[in-house]
Amino acid sequence: MTMIRKYFSLWLLALVVAAAGTAQTQPAQLQVTDGPIPMRVLSQGPADTDTELQVICLFRSDPVNGFHGALTEMDEKLKGLLERIRRQDLFRGELGETILIAPNTGTIPAKKLLIIGLGDSQTFMPERMEMIGSIVYREASRLRAAHPFFAPTVLDGGVTKYTTGQTSEQVIHGFLRAAATEKILSEAGGSTGILIQDLTYLAGLQYAAITRDGIEKALATAR
């Protein structure tokens, strides 16, 4: 009986350890409440998301604007593709400039990668992200990607003097503005895109809560 208990205990411990290991590999997420479009904050890098459309941002193509964190990982997985196109004579990264990439198999899981230019990093202010949010919605609608993932990658672009909540608040203001416009067009039969069903906003684990706070602040003022 003692031997049976011993083996049962070992089996139970193995199950607990396996379950804990699985839980650790799952990215943390925070749901955003009371929005016209379902939203969540997911603590996962944009290079790891398995999604129909991943959106990231890049500052103007300039030697002073290096890659950090998630952007470094993204460029490594794309085998240096971001650095190769990010030049003044190619993709300049001007504010609102976009480029769409179809990642090769074996690089990143996302089916499509949309890059939006952020312009000059030295004069960047969070209000600039309002335009970015509208572009995220409109490009996702045009590409018929109903469940886009978005990573602002402002911190990863080297600008650290603003909080992620300040950034996310402005992004959602623009996203909702574009959503309202698309809804009117759709009801009038004048839309060529689709209505976005939900938005996944990426943020590092330490920034997830304040990012959600910024989103909810934008939602509160929109009601």
Protein backbone atom coordinates (compact mmCIF):
# COMPACT_ATOMS: atom_id res chain seq x y z
CA MET A 1 0.00 0.00 0.00
CA THR A 2 2.90 2.30 0.87
CA MET A 3 4.52 1.63 -2.50
CA ILE A 4 1.24 2.41 -4.32
CA ARG A 5 0.94 5.69 -2.45
CA LYS A 6 4.51 6.54 -3.32
CA TYR A 7 3.97 5.97 -7.04
CA PHE A 8 0.65 7.83 -6.94
CA SER A 9 2.34 10.80 -5.25
CA LEU A 10 5.09 10.85 -7.86
CA TRP A 11 2.53 10.66 -10.66
CA LEU A 12 0.50 13.50 -9.12
CA LEU A 13 3.64 15.61 -8.69
CA ALA A 14 4.56 15.05 -12.33
CA LEU A 15 1.11 16.23 -13.38
CA VAL A 16 1.41 19.38 -11.25
CA VAL A 17 4.87 20.19 -12.63
CA ALA A 18 3.69 19.63 -16.20
CA ALA A 19 0.67 21.85 -15.65
CA ALA A 20 2.82 24.57 -14.10
CA GLY A 21 5.22 24.40 -17.03
CA THR A 22 2.35 24.77 -19.49
CA ALA A 23 0.96 27.73 -17.58
CA GLN A 24 4.35 29.45 -17.65
CA THR A 25 4.53 29.20 -21.43
CA GLN A 26 1.15 30.86 -21.90
CA PRO A 27 1.39 34.65 -22.39
CA ALA A 28 -0.43 36.66 -19.74
CA GLN A 29 -3.42 38.67 -20.88
CA LEU A 30 -5.70 41.35 -19.49
CA GLN A 31 -9.20 41.82 -20.82
CA VAL A 32 -10.44 45.35 -21.50
CA THR A 33 -14.02 45.93 -20.39
CA ASP A 34 -16.91 47.97 -21.76
CA GLY A 35 -15.54 48.76 -25.20
CA PRO A 36 -17.51 48.90 -28.46
CA ILE A 37 -14.94 46.47 -29.89
CA PRO A 38 -13.54 43.63 -27.73
CA MET A 39 -9.93 44.34 -26.77
CA ARG A 40 -7.25 42.68 -24.67
CA VAL A 41 -3.67 43.38 -23.64
CA LEU A 42 -1.39 40.41 -24.32
CA SER A 43 2.13 40.08 -22.91
CA GLN A 44 3.75 38.51 -25.93
CA GLY A 45 6.38 39.73 -28.39
CA PRO A 46 5.24 40.58 -31.93
CA ALA A 47 7.78 38.13 -33.32
CA ASP A 48 5.92 35.26 -31.60
CA THR A 49 2.26 35.96 -32.39
CA ASP A 50 0.35 33.47 -34.51
CA THR A 51 -2.11 35.86 -36.14
CA GLU A 52 -3.51 36.88 -39.51
CA LEU A 53 -2.07 40.40 -39.17
CA GLN A 54 0.65 41.68 -36.85
CA VAL A 55 1.24 45.44 -36.85
CA ILE A 56 4.40 47.13 -35.55
CA CYS A 57 5.89 50.61 -35.85
CA LEU A 58 9.30 51.97 -36.80
CA PHE A 59 10.78 55.42 -36.35
CA ARG A 60 12.29 57.28 -39.27
CA SER A 61 15.15 55.45 -40.96
CA ASP A 62 18.16 57.05 -39.29
CA PRO A 63 21.31 55.62 -37.70
CA VAL A 64 20.32 57.13 -34.31
CA ASN A 65 17.12 55.05 -34.28
CA GLY A 66 18.39 51.60 -33.43
CA PHE A 67 16.45 48.44 -32.67
CA HIS A 68 15.91 47.27 -29.10
CA GLY A 69 14.00 44.45 -27.42
CA ALA A 70 11.12 43.18 -29.55
CA LEU A 71 12.38 44.91 -32.70
CA THR A 72 15.77 43.23 -32.38
CA GLU A 73 14.06 39.86 -31.97
CA MET A 74 11.76 40.56 -34.93
CA ASP A 75 14.67 41.51 -37.18
CA GLU A 76 16.65 38.44 -36.14
CA LYS A 77 13.73 36.11 -36.92
CA LEU A 78 13.21 37.85 -40.27
CA LYS A 79 16.91 37.29 -40.99
CA GLY A 80 17.78 41.00 -41.06
CA LEU A 81 14.96 41.99 -43.42
CA LEU A 82 13.92 45.03 -41.35
CA GLU A 83 17.41 46.49 -41.43
CA ARG A 84 17.71 45.85 -45.16
CA ILE A 85 14.54 47.77 -46.07
CA ARG A 86 14.84 50.47 -43.39
CA ARG A 87 16.84 52.99 -45.38
CA GLN A 88 16.25 56.53 -46.62
CA ASP A 89 16.18 55.29 -50.23
CA LEU A 90 13.76 52.46 -49.40
CA PHE A 91 11.33 52.40 -46.44
CA ARG A 92 11.88 55.76 -44.75
CA GLY A 93 9.61 55.29 -41.77
CA GLU A 94 7.98 58.67 -42.25
CA LEU A 95 4.88 59.31 -40.17
CA GLY A 96 2.01 57.25 -41.58
CA GLU A 97 4.13 55.47 -44.22
CA THR A 98 3.25 51.78 -44.44
CA ILE A 99 4.71 48.62 -45.86
CA LEU A 100 3.20 45.12 -45.86
CA ILE A 101 5.37 42.02 -45.56
CA ALA A 102 4.41 38.38 -46.14
CA PRO A 103 6.89 36.60 -43.84
CA ASN A 104 8.62 33.51 -45.17
CA THR A 105 7.89 30.15 -43.58
CA GLY A 106 10.17 29.52 -40.64
CA THR A 107 10.59 33.18 -39.69
CA ILE A 108 7.66 34.57 -37.67
CA PRO A 109 4.22 32.95 -37.22
CA ALA A 110 2.17 35.96 -38.35
CA LYS A 111 0.66 35.56 -41.83
CA LYS A 112 1.17 39.26 -42.63
CA LEU A 113 3.32 41.92 -41.02
CA LEU A 114 2.29 45.56 -41.41
CA ILE A 115 4.84 48.24 -40.51
CA ILE A 116 3.76 51.83 -39.89
CA GLY A 117 6.24 54.70 -39.84
CA LEU A 118 6.42 56.87 -36.72
CA GLY A 119 8.48 59.71 -38.17
CA ASP A 120 11.20 61.54 -36.24
CA SER A 121 12.00 60.01 -32.84
CA GLN A 122 13.50 63.21 -31.45
CA THR A 123 10.20 65.12 -31.71
CA PHE A 124 7.92 62.19 -30.89
CA MET A 125 4.91 62.82 -28.63
CA PRO A 126 2.15 60.33 -27.71
CA GLU A 127 -0.45 62.36 -29.64
CA ARG A 128 1.20 61.13 -32.82
CA MET A 129 -0.16 57.66 -32.05
CA GLU A 130 -3.74 58.80 -32.65
CA MET A 131 -3.01 58.73 -36.39
CA ILE A 132 -1.32 55.36 -36.00
CA GLY A 133 -4.42 53.90 -34.34
CA SER A 134 -6.61 55.02 -37.23
CA ILE A 135 -4.18 53.48 -39.72
CA VAL A 136 -4.21 50.17 -37.80
CA TYR A 137 -8.00 49.95 -38.10
CA ARG A 138 -8.24 51.06 -41.72
CA GLU A 139 -5.42 48.86 -42.99
CA ALA A 140 -6.73 45.83 -41.09
CA SER A 141 -10.18 46.49 -42.56
CA ARG A 142 -8.78 46.87 -46.07
CA LEU A 143 -6.77 43.66 -45.69
CA ARG A 144 -9.87 41.92 -44.31
CA ALA A 145 -8.02 40.95 -41.13
CA ALA A 146 -10.79 40.93 -38.54
CA HIS A 147 -8.54 40.11 -35.57
CA PRO A 148 -5.40 42.28 -35.80
CA PHE A 149 -2.57 42.31 -33.28
CA PHE A 150 -0.80 45.62 -32.59
CA ALA A 151 2.53 46.43 -30.94
CA PRO A 152 3.47 50.14 -30.84
CA THR A 153 7.19 49.31 -30.43
CA VAL A 154 7.88 52.87 -29.28
CA LEU A 155 10.05 51.72 -26.37
CA ASP A 156 11.75 49.19 -28.64
CA GLY A 157 12.52 52.06 -31.01
CA GLY A 158 14.41 53.89 -28.27
CA VAL A 159 11.85 56.45 -27.00
CA THR A 160 11.34 55.83 -23.29
CA LYS A 161 10.19 59.15 -21.78
CA TYR A 162 6.47 58.44 -22.15
CA THR A 163 4.42 55.74 -20.47
CA THR A 164 2.84 52.91 -22.42
CA GLY A 165 -0.50 54.11 -21.06
CA GLN A 166 -0.05 57.50 -22.72
CA THR A 167 0.70 55.71 -25.97
CA SER A 168 -2.18 53.22 -25.78
CA GLU A 169 -4.70 55.94 -24.95
CA GLN A 170 -3.88 57.80 -28.17
CA VAL A 171 -3.80 54.62 -30.26
CA ILE A 172 -7.31 53.70 -29.16
CA HIS A 173 -8.64 57.21 -29.80
CA GLY A 174 -7.55 56.86 -33.43
CA PHE A 175 -8.68 53.24 -33.67
CA LEU A 176 -12.19 54.13 -32.49
CA ARG A 177 -12.37 57.15 -34.79
CA ALA A 178 -11.60 54.94 -37.77
CA ALA A 179 -14.06 52.30 -36.54
CA ALA A 180 -16.86 54.86 -36.34
CA THR A 181 -16.08 56.08 -39.85
CA GLU A 182 -16.03 52.53 -41.25
CA LYS A 183 -19.35 51.76 -39.57
CA ILE A 184 -21.01 54.71 -41.34
CA LEU A 185 -19.51 53.66 -44.67
CA SER A 186 -20.61 50.06 -44.15
CA GLU A 187 -24.19 51.04 -43.30
CA ALA A 188 -24.30 53.25 -46.39
CA GLY A 189 -23.00 50.44 -48.61
CA GLY A 190 -19.87 52.41 -49.41
CA SER A 191 -17.24 50.29 -47.68
CA THR A 192 -14.73 48.03 -49.42
CA GLY A 193 -13.36 46.64 -46.15
CA ILE A 194 -14.74 44.79 -43.14
CA LEU A 195 -15.64 45.73 -39.59
CA ILE A 196 -12.89 44.71 -37.16
CA GLN A 197 -14.10 42.13 -34.64
CA ASP A 198 -11.48 42.61 -31.91
CA LEU A 199 -8.04 44.04 -31.18
CA THR A 200 -5.12 42.45 -29.36
CA TYR A 201 -2.71 45.07 -28.02
CA LEU A 202 0.76 43.76 -27.14
CA ALA A 203 2.71 45.03 -24.13
CA GLY A 204 5.52 43.70 -21.98
CA LEU A 205 4.44 42.04 -18.75
CA GLN A 206 5.63 44.98 -16.62
CA TYR A 207 3.68 47.43 -18.81
CA ALA A 208 0.46 45.46 -19.29
CA ALA A 209 -1.59 47.04 -16.50
CA ILE A 210 -0.72 50.64 -17.35
CA THR A 211 -1.31 49.90 -21.04
CA ARG A 212 -4.79 48.63 -20.20
CA ASP A 213 -5.38 51.75 -18.09
CA GLY A 214 -4.61 53.91 -21.10
CA ILE A 215 -6.98 51.92 -23.31
CA GLU A 216 -9.78 52.11 -20.77
CA LYS A 217 -9.23 55.86 -20.39
CA ALA A 218 -9.73 56.27 -24.14
CA LEU A 219 -12.84 54.11 -24.04
CA ALA A 220 -14.29 56.11 -21.15
CA THR A 221 -13.97 59.41 -23.01
CA ALA A 222 -15.48 57.86 -26.16
CA ARG A 223 -18.71 56.79 -24.42
